Protein backbone atom coordinates (compact mmCIF):
# COMPACT_ATOMS: atom_id res chain seq x y z
CA MET A 1 49.63 88.38 -62.31
CA SER A 2 46.18 87.93 -60.78
CA ILE A 3 43.98 84.88 -61.13
CA GLU A 4 41.39 86.73 -63.26
CA ASN A 5 44.07 87.86 -65.74
CA GLN A 6 45.39 84.29 -65.95
CA LYS A 7 41.87 83.02 -66.63
CA THR A 8 41.32 85.66 -69.32
CA ILE A 9 44.62 84.82 -71.00
CA GLY A 10 43.78 81.11 -70.84
CA ASP A 11 40.41 81.70 -72.41
CA ASP A 12 42.00 83.75 -75.15
CA GLU A 13 44.67 81.19 -75.84
CA TYR A 14 42.33 78.12 -75.76
CA GLN A 15 40.99 77.24 -79.15
CA TYR A 16 37.90 74.99 -79.27
CA PRO A 17 37.56 72.43 -82.02
CA ASN A 18 34.46 74.14 -83.32
CA GLU A 19 36.39 77.32 -83.81
CA GLU A 20 39.08 75.46 -85.65
CA TYR A 21 36.41 73.82 -87.79
CA VAL A 22 34.80 77.17 -88.39
CA ALA A 23 38.15 78.71 -89.19
CA GLU A 24 38.95 75.97 -91.64
CA THR A 25 35.58 75.89 -93.37
CA THR A 26 34.75 79.56 -93.47
CA PRO A 27 35.90 81.49 -96.47
CA PRO A 28 37.89 84.65 -96.22
CA ASP A 29 36.38 87.70 -94.67
CA GLU A 30 35.67 89.31 -97.89
CA GLN A 31 33.52 86.37 -99.07
CA GLN A 32 31.40 85.77 -95.84
CA PRO A 33 28.91 88.31 -94.54
CA ALA A 34 29.66 89.74 -91.14
CA GLU A 35 27.69 88.06 -88.22
CA PRO A 36 26.09 90.20 -85.64
CA LYS A 37 28.12 90.68 -82.49
CA PRO A 38 25.45 89.79 -79.95
CA ALA A 39 25.17 86.22 -81.30
CA ASN A 40 28.92 85.79 -81.16
CA PHE A 41 28.93 87.06 -77.58
CA PHE A 42 26.20 84.59 -76.46
CA VAL A 43 27.98 81.66 -78.11
CA ARG A 44 31.27 82.74 -76.66
CA PHE A 45 29.68 83.08 -73.17
CA VAL A 46 28.15 79.59 -73.37
CA GLN A 47 31.44 78.12 -74.52
CA ASN A 48 33.40 79.85 -71.80
CA ASN A 49 30.92 79.12 -68.91
CA LYS A 50 29.68 75.60 -69.45
CA ARG A 51 29.05 74.92 -65.75
CA ILE A 52 26.97 78.03 -65.27
CA THR A 53 25.09 77.26 -68.46
CA ALA A 54 24.33 73.72 -67.23
CA VAL A 55 23.06 75.02 -63.89
CA ILE A 56 20.84 77.57 -65.62
CA ALA A 57 19.47 74.83 -67.91
CA VAL A 58 18.67 72.56 -64.93
CA VAL A 59 16.92 75.42 -63.14
CA LEU A 60 14.85 76.16 -66.23
CA ILE A 61 13.88 72.48 -66.59
CA VAL A 62 12.83 72.33 -62.91
CA LEU A 63 10.74 75.48 -63.28
CA VAL A 64 9.02 74.12 -66.38
CA ALA A 65 8.27 70.79 -64.65
CA PHE A 66 6.95 72.56 -61.57
CA LYS A 67 4.74 74.73 -63.76
CA LEU A 68 3.34 71.69 -65.54
CA MET A 69 2.64 69.88 -62.25
CA SER A 70 0.93 72.94 -60.78
CA SER A 71 -1.32 73.30 -63.80
CA HIS A 72 -2.23 69.59 -63.71
CA ARG A 73 -3.02 69.78 -59.98
CA SER A 74 -5.21 72.86 -60.45
CA LYS A 75 -7.13 71.05 -63.20
CA SER A 76 -7.67 68.03 -60.96
CA ILE A 77 -8.89 70.28 -58.13
CA ASP A 78 -11.22 72.26 -60.40
CA ALA A 79 -12.81 69.07 -61.78
CA PRO A 80 -16.32 68.63 -60.33
CA PRO A 81 -16.85 65.57 -58.07
CA PRO A 82 -18.86 62.67 -59.51
CA PRO A 83 -22.57 62.80 -58.79
CA ALA A 84 -23.62 60.83 -55.70
CA GLN A 85 -25.55 57.67 -56.34
CA PRO A 86 -29.10 57.80 -54.95
CA VAL A 87 -29.59 55.40 -52.02
CA ALA A 88 -32.63 53.21 -52.31
CA GLN A 89 -34.70 53.52 -49.18
CA GLN A 90 -36.01 50.25 -47.79
CA PRO A 91 -39.67 50.21 -46.89
CA VAL A 92 -40.23 50.45 -43.14
CA GLN A 93 -42.21 47.51 -41.85
CA SER A 94 -45.00 48.51 -39.57
CA VAL A 95 -44.81 46.84 -36.14
CA SER A 96 -48.18 45.88 -34.82
CA ALA A 97 -48.93 46.26 -31.12
CA PRO A 98 -48.65 43.00 -29.11
CA ASP A 99 -51.84 41.17 -28.32
CA PRO A 100 -52.66 41.54 -24.57
CA GLU A 101 -54.16 38.07 -24.41
CA MET A 102 -51.07 36.55 -26.00
CA MET A 103 -48.81 38.49 -23.63
CA SER A 104 -50.81 37.28 -20.62
CA LYS A 105 -50.51 33.71 -21.87
CA LEU A 106 -46.76 34.14 -22.27
CA ASP A 107 -46.51 35.55 -18.74
CA ALA A 108 -48.52 32.60 -17.42
CA LEU A 109 -46.25 30.17 -19.24
CA LYS A 110 -43.18 31.90 -17.80
CA GLN A 111 -44.63 31.69 -14.30
CA ASP A 112 -45.48 28.01 -14.80
CA GLU A 113 -41.95 27.37 -16.01
CA GLN A 114 -40.47 29.15 -12.99
CA SER A 115 -42.72 27.22 -10.59
CA SER A 116 -41.80 23.97 -12.36
CA GLN A 117 -38.12 24.77 -12.02
CA THR A 118 -38.63 25.58 -8.33
CA THR A 119 -40.47 22.29 -7.80
CA ILE A 120 -37.77 20.36 -9.63
CA SER A 121 -35.11 22.05 -7.52
CA GLN A 122 -36.99 21.15 -4.33
CA LEU A 123 -37.41 17.56 -5.48
CA GLN A 124 -33.72 17.35 -6.27
CA ASN A 125 -32.90 18.65 -2.78
CA GLN A 126 -35.28 16.14 -1.21
CA LEU A 127 -33.77 13.36 -3.30
CA GLN A 128 -30.32 14.39 -2.15
CA ASP A 129 -31.53 14.35 1.47
CA VAL A 130 -32.94 10.84 0.97
CA ARG A 131 -29.64 9.72 -0.52
CA ASN A 132 -27.78 11.17 2.44
CA GLN A 133 -30.13 9.41 4.85
CA LEU A 134 -29.70 6.14 2.97
CA ASN A 135 -25.95 6.53 3.16
CA GLN A 136 -26.17 7.19 6.90
CA THR A 137 -28.53 4.22 7.31
CA SER A 138 -26.17 1.96 5.41
CA VAL A 139 -23.29 3.13 7.60
CA GLN A 140 -25.34 2.51 10.75
CA GLN A 141 -26.42 -0.89 9.40
CA SER A 142 -22.80 -1.79 8.79
CA GLN A 143 -21.87 -0.70 12.31
CA LEU A 144 -24.81 -2.68 13.73
CA ASN A 145 -23.76 -5.78 11.80
CA GLN A 146 -20.26 -5.42 13.18
CA ALA A 147 -21.65 -5.03 16.71
CA ILE A 148 -23.86 -8.12 16.27
CA ALA A 149 -20.92 -10.13 14.96
CA ALA A 150 -18.83 -9.04 17.95
CA LEU A 151 -21.71 -9.97 20.32
CA VAL A 152 -22.05 -13.39 18.69
CA ASP A 153 -18.34 -13.96 19.17
CA GLN A 154 -18.65 -12.97 22.82
CA MET A 155 -21.63 -15.33 23.25
CA LYS A 156 -19.64 -18.15 21.68
CA GLN A 157 -16.71 -17.46 23.96
CA LEU A 158 -19.04 -17.29 26.98
CA GLY A 159 -20.72 -20.58 26.00
CA GLN A 160 -17.35 -22.23 25.58
CA SER A 161 -16.21 -20.96 28.99
CA ILE A 162 -19.45 -22.15 30.64
CA GLN A 163 -19.12 -25.54 28.98
CA SER A 164 -15.54 -25.84 30.16
CA GLU A 165 -16.61 -24.90 33.70
CA GLU A 166 -19.39 -27.49 33.64
CA THR A 167 -16.93 -30.07 32.36
CA LYS A 168 -14.60 -29.26 35.23
CA LYS A 169 -17.45 -29.48 37.75
CA SER A 170 -18.78 -32.77 36.39
CA ALA A 171 -15.37 -34.38 36.58
CA PRO A 172 -15.55 -35.25 40.39
CA ALA A 173 -17.68 -38.18 41.63
CA LYS A 174 -21.38 -37.58 41.60
CA LYS A 175 -23.03 -37.14 44.97
CA SER A 176 -26.25 -38.93 45.85
CA ALA A 177 -29.35 -36.90 45.26
CA PRO A 178 -30.88 -35.61 48.51
CA THR A 179 -34.11 -37.33 49.59
CA ALA A 180 -37.28 -35.32 49.45
CA PRO A 181 -38.64 -34.24 52.83
CA PRO A 182 -41.67 -36.23 54.02
CA VAL A 183 -45.11 -34.89 53.21
CA VAL A 184 -47.34 -34.20 56.20
CA PHE A 185 -51.12 -33.75 55.79
CA HIS A 186 -53.45 -32.01 58.16
CA LEU A 187 -57.20 -32.06 58.31
CA LYS A 188 -58.91 -28.84 57.32
CA ALA A 189 -62.56 -29.91 57.32
CA ILE A 190 -64.55 -33.12 57.59
CA VAL A 191 -68.14 -34.26 57.01
CA PRO A 192 -69.54 -37.73 57.09
CA GLY A 193 -67.94 -39.63 54.19
CA ARG A 194 -65.56 -36.81 53.02
CA ALA A 195 -62.59 -34.87 54.35
CA TRP A 196 -60.45 -31.96 53.13
CA ILE A 197 -56.76 -32.28 53.81
CA ILE A 198 -53.75 -30.00 53.17
CA SER A 199 -50.05 -30.83 53.09
CA ASN A 200 -47.15 -28.92 54.55
CA ASP A 201 -46.13 -27.74 51.06
CA GLY A 202 -49.59 -26.27 50.34
CA LEU A 203 -51.20 -29.18 48.44
CA SER A 204 -54.94 -29.36 49.22
CA GLU A 205 -57.10 -32.36 48.37
CA SER A 206 -60.62 -33.63 48.97
CA VAL A 207 -60.68 -37.35 49.78
CA SER A 208 -63.19 -40.04 50.61
CA VAL A 209 -62.91 -43.76 51.39
CA GLY A 210 -60.62 -45.47 48.83
CA ASP A 211 -58.82 -42.33 47.56
CA PRO A 212 -55.01 -42.50 47.48
CA VAL A 213 -52.85 -40.00 49.38
CA PRO A 214 -49.12 -39.64 48.63
CA GLN A 215 -46.94 -41.34 51.22
CA TYR A 216 -50.08 -42.24 53.23
CA GLY A 217 -51.72 -44.98 51.18
CA THR A 218 -55.49 -45.09 50.65
CA VAL A 219 -58.26 -43.76 52.85
CA LYS A 220 -59.82 -46.48 55.02
CA VAL A 221 -62.13 -44.59 57.35
CA VAL A 222 -63.49 -41.03 57.47
CA ASP A 223 -64.64 -40.45 61.05
CA ALA A 224 -66.40 -37.10 61.32
CA ASN A 225 -67.29 -37.57 64.99
CA ARG A 226 -63.69 -37.92 66.10
CA GLY A 227 -62.31 -35.65 63.38
CA MET A 228 -59.81 -37.98 61.79
CA VAL A 229 -59.04 -39.92 58.62
CA LEU A 230 -57.54 -43.40 58.92
CA MET A 231 -55.14 -44.44 56.14
CA SER A 232 -54.21 -47.93 54.90
CA SER A 233 -50.62 -47.37 56.03
CA GLY A 234 -51.86 -46.98 59.59
CA LYS A 235 -51.27 -43.24 59.65
CA VAL A 236 -53.97 -40.95 60.91
CA ILE A 237 -54.65 -37.50 59.44
CA GLY A 238 -56.17 -35.15 61.99
CA TYR A 239 -56.37 -31.49 62.80
CA GLY A 240 -53.12 -29.66 63.30
CA ALA A 241 -52.21 -27.71 66.37
CA ASN A 242 -53.82 -24.55 64.99
CA ASP A 243 -56.57 -26.12 62.87
CA ARG A 244 -59.32 -26.28 65.51
């Protein structure tokens, strides 16, 4: 027996509750009017193919929903857009032409500012140079002070060494001071009552009677005729070997 025959037999043998209810409640054939066959066939088809019927119902529901959505979308597309709001235009402010005199003044002020900045920059550079020179001068001053301090120390050491040498030299017995060599006078010129004499060490004097002469005493006689001067010590001052 094929599968289709088995299915047909099963469908014929299966009795649904509704059919039982209908069979129980319906009167005999002679009392009820005969129903049309097409309606019985549709009901019987639905009862025998529930799955197919459910699928067909779902497809119909989807089609109806799609139709409703399409109509709603077409209505939304066909709706006219809202009118655009008018934009208020702001009044354009008129720009006046710049005043030439004012522009020239501004240019002059800019030039003055630039020259002032240049002058300030130069002054700052000069000030920095002065600071550098002061720093160099202070360094040189410090070096000079150090050199002076070192020189003072050397002078102190030299003075101490000289003093020690003098102390060593003064330690032996003192020698007698040497006697001065005798002074010798020669006659340079003579006139009655006055004579000009000169010593061997270059001392020149003009003498007359009564004048003192070192190491010779006082003048006693000035004799111009003989060309001599007589002293109180007995010495005679006359011309030298080369004086005449």
